[in-house]
């Protein structure tokens, strides 16, 4: 009994270490943001937009994790490839909050935002809710 408990504890700790990388979210507010000029605000907003474009495809791990879990039923090693920490999703949401904060400052300063989107960025959960609402509206329209 004692060996089984020790073995399960070791396996649990090992799996926790292999469950993906730790998130490194950017801070939503950095002291001095409200005093920045338009050029630096717009430059950072553009950089954030590029980072978000890179992270966006990596935010949904459901399909790959499901495939690894299914394969893990038959073999043990696929469980090591599952990403349970959702670091990309956390970082994407942090970038969205930072972008929205900078957008508020740029709007208050009347900055010329020709090449940047002027609507707030949505977090992953907000995008999922928006898609669900759009599908529900489409289904309701189809039923009429």
Foldseek 3Di string as FASTA:
>chain_A
DVVVVVVVVVVVVVLVVLQADAADADALDDPPLLVDDLVVLLVVLVVLVVLLVVLVVVQDCPVVLVVLVVVCVVPPVSSSNHHDNSRSLRRNQRSLSNSQSSLVSNVVVVHDPPPDDNDGDDRPVRVVVVVVVVVVVVVVVVVD
